[in-house]
Each structure stands twice: as C-alpha cells, then as structure tokens.
Amino acid sequence: MTDDDSALIAEIRNGSERAFNVLIDRHQQAVRGFLRRLLTDASEADDLAQETFMVAWTRPGSYRGDASVRSWLCAIAWRKARSAQRAWLRRRTRETRWADEVEQVSGAPQPEAAVVTRALNGLPIEQRAAVVLCLSQGFSHAEAAEILEAPLGTVKSHVARGKAHLLAALGGTGDGTTHA
C-alpha cells in the first residue's frame, strides 16, 4: 500500500481531487481513531482530523517518502493535537487567572452573567472585541491583533482597559481592592 499511497501523493501534488478522496477513504478512520483516543472531545478530534487532511491537500510536498503516508498523516495529526492542547492550557490558565482576579475583587466565586454582559456591552466595540478574543476565546494578544488587524500594543491596551472596566463593574477598582 505504501507505493500506491506514494503515487496518490504524487497525484495530489498535481491537484488530483480524485487521489485526495482516495487518500481520505484509506486513512480517515485511522487518523480519526488516533485523535479520538488521544483527545477527550470526539468533535474536537474530528475537527483536527479534518485539519490534518487539509494540510495533506495544501502541503503534499511535506511528505518526503521516508515513512508511510499513514504515519505522515498521524504525525500531522499529532502536531495538530499538541497545538490544540497547548492552546487549551493557555486558555485555561488565562481563565483561571481571570476567575481568581474576579473572586478577589468581588468576593464571589463566579460573577453574575448579567453584570458581565452589561459591562462588556458598555465597552467600545474595539475594546470589547479584544477582551472577548483574549479573555473569553483564549486567543493570545498577537493572535487577536492579527484577527482585529490592529497593532499589538493597541490590543494589549484594549484588553487592559477592558479588564479594568469589567473588574470595576464587578465591584473592584482594578487594583485588587473593592469599593466600600
């Protein structure tokens, strides 16, 4: 099957959708199975499997032929999974820090959703977008800057100001103290 798979990759390099579909039919179950056992969320595993095959389609030249196509695909899947896990850990760390700050300021384990929503809606749209991307969606400042097509320093300022506004709305001053 390796020689046949190598021929498929050569055809994919030439833009053959038929060869790409054959590649998917042959290896999708193995890639999805690997990711589903690796990750706890089946839908995330399926999404990453799809991303894996998109890499195979857009960068077939990254296959060097020194391993089987299946192992090449699983290596891509592994890198996608590691990247997703690092992003999850970064997001979790930010959310934990944010929750700790809110708890210190408000004295409540979780802020009222309505208060947070009102506070968010009170922000200028640029600040709100930066805050949501970085504090809620888990994007880094650099990623948010790219998404918003704004300078990195501007995004950092928006997040800092927006965060201070949210903390103040929750009864804090933004410096770790609460209003009397």
N, C-alpha and C. Protein backbone atom coordinates (compact mmCIF):
# COMPACT_ATOMS: atom_id res chain seq x y z
N MET A 1 0.83 -1.19 0.00
CA MET A 1 0.00 0.00 0.00
C MET A 1 0.87 1.25 0.00
N THR A 2 2.09 1.21 0.52
CA THR A 2 2.95 2.37 0.59
C THR A 2 3.26 2.94 -0.79
N ASP A 3 3.60 2.06 -1.75
CA ASP A 3 3.89 2.53 -3.10
C ASP A 3 2.66 3.18 -3.72
N ASP A 4 1.50 2.54 -3.51
CA ASP A 4 0.25 3.06 -4.03
C ASP A 4 -0.06 4.42 -3.38
N ASP A 5 0.17 4.53 -2.06
CA ASP A 5 -0.05 5.79 -1.36
C ASP A 5 0.91 6.87 -1.85
N SER A 6 2.14 6.49 -2.11
CA SER A 6 3.11 7.46 -2.63
C SER A 6 2.66 7.98 -3.99
N ALA A 7 2.08 7.08 -4.80
CA ALA A 7 1.55 7.50 -6.10
C ALA A 7 0.39 8.47 -5.92
N LEU A 8 -0.45 8.22 -4.90
CA LEU A 8 -1.55 9.15 -4.61
C LEU A 8 -1.02 10.52 -4.25
N ILE A 9 0.01 10.56 -3.42
CA ILE A 9 0.60 11.85 -3.03
C ILE A 9 1.13 12.58 -4.26
N ALA A 10 1.76 11.84 -5.16
CA ALA A 10 2.26 12.47 -6.40
C ALA A 10 1.10 13.06 -7.19
N GLU A 11 -0.02 12.35 -7.25
CA GLU A 11 -1.19 12.86 -7.97
C GLU A 11 -1.78 14.08 -7.25
N ILE A 12 -1.78 14.04 -5.92
CA ILE A 12 -2.30 15.18 -5.15
C ILE A 12 -1.43 16.40 -5.39
N ARG A 13 -0.13 16.21 -5.49
CA ARG A 13 0.78 17.32 -5.81
C ARG A 13 0.41 17.98 -7.14
N ASN A 14 -0.17 17.18 -8.03
CA ASN A 14 -0.60 17.69 -9.33
C ASN A 14 -2.06 18.18 -9.31
N GLY A 15 -2.66 18.20 -8.11
CA GLY A 15 -4.01 18.74 -7.96
C GLY A 15 -5.15 17.76 -8.15
N SER A 16 -4.89 16.47 -8.09
CA SER A 16 -5.94 15.47 -8.31
C SER A 16 -6.85 15.34 -7.09
N GLU A 17 -8.09 15.80 -7.25
CA GLU A 17 -9.08 15.66 -6.18
C GLU A 17 -9.46 14.19 -5.99
N ARG A 18 -9.48 13.43 -7.09
CA ARG A 18 -9.80 12.01 -7.00
C ARG A 18 -8.79 11.30 -6.10
N ALA A 19 -7.50 11.58 -6.29
CA ALA A 19 -6.46 10.96 -5.48
C ALA A 19 -6.62 11.38 -4.01
N PHE A 20 -6.95 12.63 -3.80
CA PHE A 20 -7.15 13.12 -2.43
C PHE A 20 -8.32 12.39 -1.76
N ASN A 21 -9.41 12.20 -2.49
CA ASN A 21 -10.56 11.47 -1.94
C ASN A 21 -10.21 10.02 -1.61
N VAL A 22 -9.39 9.40 -2.45
CA VAL A 22 -8.95 8.02 -2.18
C VAL A 22 -8.09 8.01 -0.91
N LEU A 23 -7.20 9.00 -0.78
CA LEU A 23 -6.35 9.10 0.41
C LEU A 23 -7.22 9.23 1.67
N ILE A 24 -8.22 10.07 1.61
CA ILE A 24 -9.13 10.24 2.75
C ILE A 24 -9.83 8.92 3.06
N ASP A 25 -10.38 8.27 2.03
CA ASP A 25 -11.08 7.00 2.25
C ASP A 25 -10.17 5.96 2.91
N ARG A 26 -8.92 5.93 2.52
CA ARG A 26 -7.98 4.94 3.06
C ARG A 26 -7.56 5.24 4.49
N HIS A 27 -7.37 6.49 4.82
CA HIS A 27 -6.70 6.81 6.07
C HIS A 27 -7.52 7.59 7.09
N GLN A 28 -8.71 8.04 6.72
CA GLN A 28 -9.50 8.85 7.63
C GLN A 28 -9.83 8.11 8.93
N GLN A 29 -10.21 6.87 8.82
CA GLN A 29 -10.57 6.10 10.02
C GLN A 29 -9.39 5.99 10.97
N ALA A 30 -8.20 5.73 10.44
CA ALA A 30 -7.02 5.61 11.30
C ALA A 30 -6.67 6.93 11.97
N VAL A 31 -6.74 8.02 11.21
CA VAL A 31 -6.39 9.33 11.77
C VAL A 31 -7.43 9.74 12.82
N ARG A 32 -8.72 9.59 12.48
CA ARG A 32 -9.77 9.94 13.45
C ARG A 32 -9.69 9.06 14.70
N GLY A 33 -9.43 7.77 14.51
CA GLY A 33 -9.31 6.86 15.65
C GLY A 33 -8.17 7.27 16.57
N PHE A 34 -7.04 7.59 15.97
CA PHE A 34 -5.88 8.05 16.74
C PHE A 34 -6.24 9.29 17.56
N LEU A 35 -6.83 10.27 16.91
CA LEU A 35 -7.16 11.52 17.60
C LEU A 35 -8.26 11.33 18.64
N ARG A 36 -9.23 10.47 18.36
CA ARG A 36 -10.30 10.24 19.33
C ARG A 36 -9.78 9.55 20.59
N ARG A 37 -8.80 8.69 20.44
CA ARG A 37 -8.22 8.05 21.62
C ARG A 37 -7.29 9.01 22.36
N LEU A 38 -6.71 9.92 21.63
CA LEU A 38 -5.76 10.87 22.20
C LEU A 38 -6.47 12.00 22.96
N LEU A 39 -7.58 12.46 22.42
CA LEU A 39 -8.30 13.61 22.99
C LEU A 39 -9.57 13.14 23.68
N THR A 40 -10.07 13.97 24.57
CA THR A 40 -11.29 13.60 25.28
C THR A 40 -12.56 14.03 24.56
N ASP A 41 -12.45 14.97 23.66
CA ASP A 41 -13.60 15.52 22.95
C ASP A 41 -13.64 14.97 21.53
N ALA A 42 -14.62 14.13 21.24
CA ALA A 42 -14.71 13.49 19.92
C ALA A 42 -14.90 14.51 18.80
N SER A 43 -15.67 15.57 19.06
CA SER A 43 -15.88 16.56 18.00
C SER A 43 -14.59 17.33 17.72
N GLU A 44 -13.80 17.58 18.74
CA GLU A 44 -12.50 18.23 18.53
C GLU A 44 -11.59 17.29 17.73
N ALA A 45 -11.63 16.02 18.06
CA ALA A 45 -10.82 15.04 17.32
C ALA A 45 -11.22 15.02 15.85
N ASP A 46 -12.51 15.05 15.58
CA ASP A 46 -12.98 15.05 14.19
C ASP A 46 -12.54 16.33 13.47
N ASP A 47 -12.63 17.46 14.16
CA ASP A 47 -12.18 18.73 13.56
C ASP A 47 -10.69 18.68 13.23
N LEU A 48 -9.90 18.14 14.15
CA LEU A 48 -8.45 18.06 13.92
C LEU A 48 -8.12 17.07 12.81
N ALA A 49 -8.92 16.01 12.69
CA ALA A 49 -8.71 15.07 11.58
C ALA A 49 -8.95 15.79 10.26
N GLN A 50 -9.99 16.59 10.22
CA GLN A 50 -10.28 17.37 9.02
C GLN A 50 -9.13 18.32 8.71
N GLU A 51 -8.62 18.99 9.74
CA GLU A 51 -7.48 19.90 9.54
C GLU A 51 -6.25 19.13 9.05
N THR A 52 -6.07 17.93 9.55
CA THR A 52 -4.95 17.09 9.12
C THR A 52 -5.01 16.85 7.62
N PHE A 53 -6.19 16.48 7.14
CA PHE A 53 -6.32 16.22 5.71
C PHE A 53 -6.22 17.49 4.87
N MET A 54 -6.59 18.62 5.46
CA MET A 54 -6.41 19.88 4.73
C MET A 54 -4.92 20.19 4.57
N VAL A 55 -4.12 19.85 5.56
CA VAL A 55 -2.67 20.02 5.42
C VAL A 55 -2.16 19.10 4.32
N ALA A 56 -2.66 17.86 4.30
CA ALA A 56 -2.23 16.92 3.25
C ALA A 56 -2.59 17.45 1.87
N TRP A 57 -3.72 18.11 1.76
CA TRP A 57 -4.16 18.65 0.47
C TRP A 57 -3.35 19.90 0.08
N THR A 58 -3.14 20.79 1.05
CA THR A 58 -2.48 22.06 0.73
C THR A 58 -0.96 21.97 0.73
N ARG A 59 -0.40 20.98 1.44
CA ARG A 59 1.05 20.84 1.50
C ARG A 59 1.51 19.40 1.29
N PRO A 60 1.13 18.81 0.17
CA PRO A 60 1.55 17.42 -0.07
C PRO A 60 3.06 17.31 -0.23
N GLY A 61 3.73 18.42 -0.52
CA GLY A 61 5.19 18.40 -0.64
C GLY A 61 5.90 18.15 0.67
N SER A 62 5.17 18.25 1.79
CA SER A 62 5.81 17.98 3.08
C SER A 62 5.99 16.47 3.30
N TYR A 63 5.36 15.67 2.46
CA TYR A 63 5.58 14.22 2.53
C TYR A 63 6.89 13.92 1.80
N ARG A 64 7.87 13.40 2.56
CA ARG A 64 9.20 13.16 1.99
C ARG A 64 9.39 11.75 1.47
N GLY A 65 8.49 10.85 1.82
CA GLY A 65 8.59 9.48 1.33
C GLY A 65 9.44 8.57 2.19
N ASP A 66 9.96 9.06 3.32
CA ASP A 66 10.80 8.21 4.16
C ASP A 66 9.99 7.44 5.21
N ALA A 67 8.68 7.62 5.20
CA ALA A 67 7.78 6.89 6.10
C ALA A 67 6.50 6.61 5.33
N SER A 68 5.62 5.84 5.94
CA SER A 68 4.35 5.57 5.26
C SER A 68 3.49 6.83 5.26
N VAL A 69 2.58 6.89 4.34
CA VAL A 69 1.66 8.03 4.27
C VAL A 69 0.82 8.09 5.54
N ARG A 70 0.41 6.93 6.03
CA ARG A 70 -0.39 6.90 7.26
C ARG A 70 0.39 7.50 8.44
N SER A 71 1.66 7.17 8.56
CA SER A 71 2.44 7.74 9.68
C SER A 71 2.65 9.24 9.46
N TRP A 72 2.82 9.67 8.21
CA TRP A 72 2.92 11.10 7.91
C TRP A 72 1.64 11.81 8.35
N LEU A 73 0.49 11.23 8.03
CA LEU A 73 -0.79 11.83 8.42
C LEU A 73 -0.95 11.85 9.94
N CYS A 74 -0.56 10.76 10.60
CA CYS A 74 -0.66 10.72 12.06
C CYS A 74 0.30 11.71 12.71
N ALA A 75 1.46 11.94 12.10
CA ALA A 75 2.40 12.94 12.62
C ALA A 75 1.78 14.34 12.51
N ILE A 76 1.12 14.60 11.39
CA ILE A 76 0.42 15.89 11.25
C ILE A 76 -0.66 16.00 12.31
N ALA A 77 -1.42 14.92 12.49
CA ALA A 77 -2.49 14.91 13.49
C ALA A 77 -1.93 15.14 14.89
N TRP A 78 -0.80 14.52 15.19
CA TRP A 78 -0.16 14.69 16.50
C TRP A 78 0.22 16.15 16.73
N ARG A 79 0.81 16.78 15.72
CA ARG A 79 1.18 18.20 15.86
C ARG A 79 -0.06 19.06 16.05
N LYS A 80 -1.12 18.76 15.33
CA LYS A 80 -2.38 19.49 15.49
C LYS A 80 -2.93 19.30 16.92
N ALA A 81 -2.89 18.07 17.41
CA ALA A 81 -3.40 17.79 18.76
C ALA A 81 -2.56 18.49 19.83
N ARG A 82 -1.23 18.43 19.68
CA ARG A 82 -0.37 19.13 20.65
C ARG A 82 -0.64 20.62 20.65
N SER A 83 -0.78 21.18 19.48
CA SER A 83 -1.06 22.61 19.36
C SER A 83 -2.40 22.94 20.02
N ALA A 84 -3.40 22.11 19.78
CA ALA A 84 -4.72 22.32 20.38
C ALA A 84 -4.64 22.21 21.91
N GLN A 85 -3.86 21.27 22.40
CA GLN A 85 -3.72 21.11 23.85
C GLN A 85 -3.00 22.30 24.47
N ARG A 86 -1.95 22.79 23.79
CA ARG A 86 -1.25 23.98 24.31
C ARG A 86 -2.20 25.17 24.34
N ALA A 87 -3.00 25.32 23.30
CA ALA A 87 -3.97 26.42 23.27
C ALA A 87 -4.98 26.26 24.40
N TRP A 88 -5.42 25.02 24.63
CA TRP A 88 -6.37 24.78 25.71
C TRP A 88 -5.74 25.13 27.06
N LEU A 89 -4.48 24.73 27.26
CA LEU A 89 -3.81 25.03 28.53
C LEU A 89 -3.63 26.54 28.71
N ARG A 90 -3.26 27.24 27.64
CA ARG A 90 -3.13 28.70 27.74
C ARG A 90 -4.47 29.34 28.09
N ARG A 91 -5.53 28.88 27.41
CA ARG A 91 -6.86 29.42 27.67
C ARG A 91 -7.28 29.12 29.11
N ARG A 92 -7.03 27.90 29.55
CA ARG A 92 -7.40 27.51 30.92
C ARG A 92 -6.64 28.35 31.95
N THR A 93 -5.35 28.59 31.70
CA THR A 93 -4.55 29.41 32.60
C THR A 93 -5.10 30.82 32.67
N ARG A 94 -5.41 31.40 31.50
CA ARG A 94 -5.97 32.76 31.48
C ARG A 94 -7.30 32.82 32.19
N GLU A 95 -8.17 31.82 31.94
CA GLU A 95 -9.47 31.81 32.58
C GLU A 95 -9.34 31.66 34.09
N THR A 96 -8.41 30.83 34.53
CA THR A 96 -8.20 30.64 35.97
C THR A 96 -7.69 31.93 36.61
N ARG A 97 -6.71 32.57 35.94
CA ARG A 97 -6.21 33.85 36.46
C ARG A 97 -7.32 34.88 36.52
N TRP A 98 -8.11 34.95 35.45
CA TRP A 98 -9.21 35.90 35.39
C TRP A 98 -10.22 35.61 36.50
N ALA A 99 -10.60 34.35 36.69
CA ALA A 99 -11.55 33.98 37.74
C ALA A 99 -10.99 34.31 39.12
N ASP A 100 -9.69 34.08 39.33
CA ASP A 100 -9.06 34.42 40.61
C ASP A 100 -9.13 35.91 40.87
N GLU A 101 -8.85 36.71 39.84
CA GLU A 101 -8.90 38.17 39.99
C GLU A 101 -10.32 38.62 40.30
N VAL A 102 -11.29 38.06 39.59
CA VAL A 102 -12.68 38.44 39.82
C VAL A 102 -13.10 38.04 41.23
N GLU A 103 -12.68 36.86 41.66
CA GLU A 103 -13.03 36.39 43.00
C GLU A 103 -12.42 37.30 44.07
N GLN A 104 -11.16 37.72 43.86
CA GLN A 104 -10.51 38.62 44.82
C GLN A 104 -11.26 39.94 44.91
N VAL A 105 -11.71 40.44 43.77
CA VAL A 105 -12.36 41.74 43.73
C VAL A 105 -13.79 41.67 44.24
N SER A 106 -14.54 40.68 43.78
CA SER A 106 -15.96 40.66 44.10
C SER A 106 -16.29 39.83 45.33
N GLY A 107 -15.40 38.94 45.72
CA GLY A 107 -15.68 38.07 46.85
C GLY A 107 -16.62 36.93 46.48
N ALA A 108 -17.05 36.88 45.24
CA ALA A 108 -17.96 35.83 44.78
C ALA A 108 -17.17 34.85 43.92
N PRO A 109 -17.50 33.56 44.01
CA PRO A 109 -16.77 32.59 43.21
C PRO A 109 -16.97 32.77 41.71
N GLN A 110 -18.13 33.24 41.28
CA GLN A 110 -18.37 33.49 39.87
C GLN A 110 -19.20 34.75 39.74
N PRO A 111 -18.82 35.62 38.80
CA PRO A 111 -19.59 36.85 38.63
C PRO A 111 -20.95 36.55 38.00
N GLU A 112 -21.89 37.42 38.26
CA GLU A 112 -23.20 37.31 37.65
C GLU A 112 -23.04 37.52 36.16
N ALA A 113 -23.62 36.63 35.39
CA ALA A 113 -23.50 36.73 33.92
C ALA A 113 -24.09 38.05 33.42
N ALA A 114 -25.17 38.51 34.01
CA ALA A 114 -25.80 39.74 33.56
C ALA A 114 -24.91 40.95 33.80
N VAL A 115 -24.19 40.96 34.92
CA VAL A 115 -23.29 42.07 35.23
C VAL A 115 -22.15 42.10 34.22
N VAL A 116 -21.60 40.95 33.95
CA VAL A 116 -20.50 40.86 32.99
C VAL A 116 -20.98 41.28 31.60
N THR A 117 -22.15 40.80 31.21
CA THR A 117 -22.69 41.14 29.89
C THR A 117 -22.92 42.64 29.78
N ARG A 118 -23.51 43.25 30.81
CA ARG A 118 -23.72 44.71 30.80
C ARG A 118 -22.38 45.44 30.72
N ALA A 119 -21.42 44.98 31.49
CA ALA A 119 -20.10 45.63 31.50
C ALA A 119 -19.44 45.50 30.13
N LEU A 120 -19.52 44.31 29.54
CA LEU A 120 -18.96 44.12 28.20
C LEU A 120 -19.64 45.02 27.19
N ASN A 121 -20.96 45.10 27.25
CA ASN A 121 -21.70 45.93 26.32
C ASN A 121 -21.39 47.41 26.49
N GLY A 122 -20.89 47.79 27.65
CA GLY A 122 -20.52 49.18 27.90
C GLY A 122 -19.16 49.56 27.32
N LEU A 123 -18.42 48.58 26.86
CA LEU A 123 -17.10 48.85 26.28
C LEU A 123 -17.22 49.29 24.83
N PRO A 124 -16.31 50.14 24.38
CA PRO A 124 -16.26 50.42 22.94
C PRO A 124 -16.03 49.10 22.20
N ILE A 125 -16.54 49.02 20.99
CA ILE A 125 -16.51 47.76 20.24
C ILE A 125 -15.10 47.19 20.08
N GLU A 126 -14.08 48.05 19.87
CA GLU A 126 -12.72 47.57 19.71
C GLU A 126 -12.22 46.92 21.00
N GLN A 127 -12.50 47.57 22.13
CA GLN A 127 -12.10 47.00 23.42
C GLN A 127 -12.84 45.70 23.69
N ARG A 128 -14.14 45.70 23.40
CA ARG A 128 -14.95 44.51 23.64
C ARG A 128 -14.41 43.34 22.81
N ALA A 129 -14.10 43.60 21.55
CA ALA A 129 -13.57 42.53 20.70
C ALA A 129 -12.26 41.99 21.25
N ALA A 130 -11.37 42.86 21.68
CA ALA A 130 -10.08 42.43 22.22
C ALA A 130 -10.27 41.63 23.51
N VAL A 131 -11.15 42.10 24.38
CA VAL A 131 -11.41 41.40 25.64
C VAL A 131 -12.01 40.03 25.38
N VAL A 132 -13.00 39.96 24.51
CA VAL A 132 -13.64 38.68 24.23
C VAL A 132 -12.65 37.71 23.59
N LEU A 133 -11.87 38.19 22.63
CA LEU A 133 -10.91 37.29 21.98
C LEU A 133 -9.87 36.76 22.97
N CYS A 134 -9.32 37.66 23.80
CA CYS A 134 -8.22 37.25 24.68
C CYS A 134 -8.67 36.59 25.98
N LEU A 135 -9.71 37.11 26.60
CA LEU A 135 -10.11 36.59 27.91
C LEU A 135 -11.18 35.51 27.83
N SER A 136 -11.96 35.54 26.79
CA SER A 136 -13.03 34.56 26.69
C SER A 136 -12.73 33.48 25.66
N GLN A 137 -12.20 33.86 24.52
CA GLN A 137 -11.96 32.90 23.45
C GLN A 137 -10.57 32.26 23.50
N GLY A 138 -9.69 32.78 24.34
CA GLY A 138 -8.39 32.15 24.53
C GLY A 138 -7.32 32.50 23.51
N PHE A 139 -7.54 33.54 22.73
CA PHE A 139 -6.51 33.95 21.78
C PHE A 139 -5.43 34.75 22.49
N SER A 140 -4.21 34.64 22.01
CA SER A 140 -3.13 35.45 22.55
C SER A 140 -3.33 36.88 22.05
N HIS A 141 -2.60 37.81 22.68
CA HIS A 141 -2.67 39.20 22.21
C HIS A 141 -2.26 39.30 20.75
N ALA A 142 -1.22 38.57 20.38
CA ALA A 142 -0.73 38.61 18.99
C ALA A 142 -1.79 38.06 18.03
N GLU A 143 -2.44 36.97 18.41
CA GLU A 143 -3.48 36.40 17.56
C GLU A 143 -4.65 37.37 17.42
N ALA A 144 -5.03 37.99 18.54
CA ALA A 144 -6.13 38.96 18.50
C ALA A 144 -5.75 40.15 17.63
N ALA A 145 -4.50 40.60 17.72
CA ALA A 145 -4.05 41.72 16.89
C ALA A 145 -4.18 41.36 15.41
N GLU A 146 -3.83 40.14 15.07
CA GLU A 146 -3.95 39.70 13.68
C GLU A 146 -5.41 39.65 13.25
N ILE A 147 -6.26 39.09 14.10
CA ILE A 147 -7.68 38.98 13.79
C ILE A 147 -8.30 40.36 13.61
N LEU A 148 -7.96 41.27 14.54
CA LEU A 148 -8.55 42.60 14.53
C LEU A 148 -7.83 43.56 13.59
N GLU A 149 -6.72 43.09 13.01
CA GLU A 149 -5.89 43.93 12.14
C GLU A 149 -5.55 45.24 12.84
N ALA A 150 -5.06 45.08 14.08
CA ALA A 150 -4.68 46.22 14.91
C ALA A 150 -3.27 45.99 15.43
N PRO A 151 -2.57 47.06 15.78
CA PRO A 151 -1.23 46.90 16.36
C PRO A 151 -1.30 46.12 17.68
N LEU A 152 -0.26 45.35 17.96
CA LEU A 152 -0.21 44.54 19.17
C LEU A 152 -0.37 45.39 20.42
N GLY A 153 0.31 46.53 20.47
CA GLY A 153 0.21 47.41 21.64
C GLY A 153 -1.20 47.91 21.86
N THR A 154 -1.91 48.18 20.79
CA THR A 154 -3.29 48.64 20.90
C THR A 154 -4.17 47.55 21.50
N VAL A 155 -3.97 46.33 21.04
CA VAL A 155 -4.77 45.21 21.57
C VAL A 155 -4.47 45.02 23.06
N LYS A 156 -3.20 45.09 23.43
CA LYS A 156 -2.85 44.95 24.85
C LYS A 156 -3.51 46.04 25.68
N SER A 157 -3.51 47.27 25.16
CA SER A 157 -4.17 48.38 25.87
C SER A 157 -5.66 48.15 25.98
N HIS A 158 -6.28 47.72 24.88
CA HIS A 158 -7.72 47.45 24.90
C HIS A 158 -8.06 46.40 25.94
N VAL A 159 -7.26 45.33 26.00
CA VAL A 159 -7.53 44.26 26.97
C VAL A 159 -7.36 44.78 28.39
N ALA A 160 -6.29 45.52 28.64
CA ALA A 160 -6.04 46.05 29.99
C ALA A 160 -7.16 47.00 30.42
N ARG A 161 -7.55 47.92 29.53
CA ARG A 161 -8.63 48.86 29.87
C ARG A 161 -9.96 48.14 30.03
N GLY A 162 -10.24 47.21 29.13
CA GLY A 162 -11.49 46.47 29.21
C GLY A 162 -11.57 45.63 30.47
N LYS A 163 -10.46 45.01 30.82
CA LYS A 163 -10.40 44.19 32.03
C LYS A 163 -10.63 45.06 33.27
N ALA A 164 -10.01 46.23 33.29
CA ALA A 164 -10.20 47.16 34.41
C ALA A 164 -11.67 47.58 34.51
N HIS A 165 -12.30 47.84 33.37
CA HIS A 165 -13.71 48.22 33.34
C HIS A 165 -14.58 47.09 33.89
N LEU A 166 -14.29 45.87 33.48
CA LEU A 166 -15.07 44.73 33.95
C LEU A 166 -14.89 44.52 35.45
N LEU A 167 -13.66 44.63 35.92
CA LEU A 167 -13.40 44.48 37.36
C LEU A 167 -14.12 45.55 38.15
N ALA A 168 -14.11 46.78 37.63
CA ALA A 168 -14.81 47.88 38.31
C ALA A 168 -16.32 47.60 38.34
N ALA A 169 -16.87 47.07 37.26
CA ALA A 169 -18.30 46.75 37.20
C ALA A 169 -18.66 45.66 38.19
N LEU A 170 -17.68 44.83 38.53
CA LEU A 170 -17.93 43.75 39.49
C LEU A 170 -17.65 44.18 40.92
N GLY A 171 -17.40 45.46 41.10
CA GLY A 171 -17.22 45.98 42.45
C GLY A 171 -15.79 46.17 42.86
N GLY A 172 -14.87 46.00 41.95
CA GLY A 172 -13.45 46.20 42.25
C GLY A 172 -12.95 47.48 41.64
N THR A 173 -11.76 47.85 42.02
CA THR A 173 -11.16 49.08 41.48
C THR A 173 -10.15 48.79 40.39
N GLY A 174 -9.85 47.52 40.17
CA GLY A 174 -8.85 47.18 39.17
C GLY A 174 -7.46 47.07 39.78
N ASP A 175 -7.30 47.47 41.05
CA ASP A 175 -6.00 47.38 41.70
C ASP A 175 -6.02 46.34 42.81
N GLY A 176 -7.05 45.48 42.81
CA GLY A 176 -7.13 44.43 43.81
C GLY A 176 -7.95 44.79 45.03
N THR A 177 -8.45 46.04 45.11
CA THR A 177 -9.28 46.43 46.24
C THR A 177 -10.72 46.51 45.80
N THR A 178 -11.60 46.51 46.77
CA THR A 178 -13.04 46.61 46.47
C THR A 178 -13.58 47.92 47.00
N HIS A 179 -14.69 48.32 46.42
CA HIS A 179 -15.36 49.54 46.90
C HIS A 179 -16.04 49.24 48.22
N ALA A 180 -16.10 50.24 49.06
CA ALA A 180 -16.72 50.07 50.37
C ALA A 180 -18.21 50.10 50.32
